[in-house]
Amino acid sequence: FLHTIVVNGGTAGTIIVYDNTAGSGSIIASFDSTNALATYAFDVAFTNGLTIVTSAATKVTVSWR
């Protein structure tokens, strides 16, 4: 269950979240982030795994259960 992704800084870019153990397959979310602190709430279930791919040097913290 993906709760939130917090962007802690770094370089602005795209963040793609996959329901998979690799950066492919079913996309849970895809969004652009800024380099400023921001919290993105999802509250969605995933079953196969959770992989997060960033297009830049973005610092993130992931909250899940």
Protein backbone atom coordinates (compact mmCIF):
# COMPACT_ATOMS: atom_id res chain seq x y z
CA PHE A 1 0.00 0.00 0.00
CA LEU A 2 1.74 3.18 -1.21
CA HIS A 3 0.88 6.05 1.11
CA THR A 4 3.06 9.04 0.13
CA ILE A 5 6.12 10.14 -1.77
CA VAL A 6 7.92 13.14 -0.29
CA VAL A 7 10.24 15.10 -2.56
CA ASN A 8 13.10 16.28 -0.35
CA GLY A 9 14.97 18.25 -3.02
CA GLY A 10 17.44 17.58 -5.77
CA THR A 11 16.77 18.23 -9.43
CA ALA A 12 13.27 18.70 -10.83
CA GLY A 13 12.07 15.92 -13.10
CA THR A 14 9.55 13.17 -13.71
CA ILE A 15 8.77 10.44 -11.18
CA ILE A 16 7.21 7.17 -12.36
CA VAL A 17 5.93 4.59 -9.87
CA TYR A 18 5.56 0.98 -11.02
CA ASP A 19 3.71 -1.99 -9.52
CA ASN A 20 6.67 -4.24 -10.32
CA THR A 21 10.11 -5.25 -9.10
CA ALA A 22 11.66 -3.43 -12.08
CA GLY A 23 11.12 -0.12 -13.84
CA SER A 24 8.50 -1.49 -16.24
CA GLY A 25 5.00 -2.91 -16.25
CA SER A 26 1.92 -1.44 -14.60
CA ILE A 27 2.25 2.26 -13.77
CA ILE A 28 0.73 3.35 -10.46
CA ALA A 29 1.59 7.04 -10.93
CA SER A 30 3.56 9.34 -13.20
CA PHE A 31 4.08 12.98 -12.32
CA ASP A 32 6.44 15.94 -12.61
CA SER A 33 8.12 17.16 -9.45
CA THR A 34 9.85 20.38 -8.55
CA ASN A 35 13.06 20.51 -6.57
CA ALA A 36 11.17 22.03 -3.63
CA LEU A 37 9.83 20.07 -0.68
CA ALA A 38 6.45 18.55 -1.59
CA THR A 39 4.33 15.61 -0.45
CA TYR A 40 2.30 13.55 -2.91
CA ALA A 41 -0.40 11.30 -1.39
CA PHE A 42 -1.58 8.17 -3.20
CA ASP A 43 -3.10 5.59 -0.80
CA VAL A 44 -3.14 2.90 -3.49
CA ALA A 45 -2.44 -0.82 -3.32
CA PHE A 46 0.31 -2.60 -5.22
CA THR A 47 0.81 -6.35 -5.54
CA ASN A 48 3.99 -7.26 -7.44
CA GLY A 49 6.48 -4.82 -5.92
CA LEU A 50 7.18 -1.11 -5.81
CA THR A 51 9.76 0.53 -8.08
CA ILE A 52 10.23 4.28 -8.35
CA VAL A 53 12.17 5.74 -11.27
CA THR A 54 13.22 9.39 -11.43
CA SER A 55 14.37 11.19 -14.58
CA ALA A 56 16.74 13.41 -12.60
CA ALA A 57 18.69 13.43 -9.34
CA THR A 58 15.56 13.84 -7.24
CA LYS A 59 15.71 13.01 -3.52
CA VAL A 60 12.55 11.19 -2.35
CA THR A 61 11.23 9.47 0.75
CA VAL A 62 8.58 6.77 0.30
CA SER A 63 5.98 5.86 2.91
CA TRP A 64 4.24 2.50 2.48
CA ARG A 65 2.76 -0.33 4.52
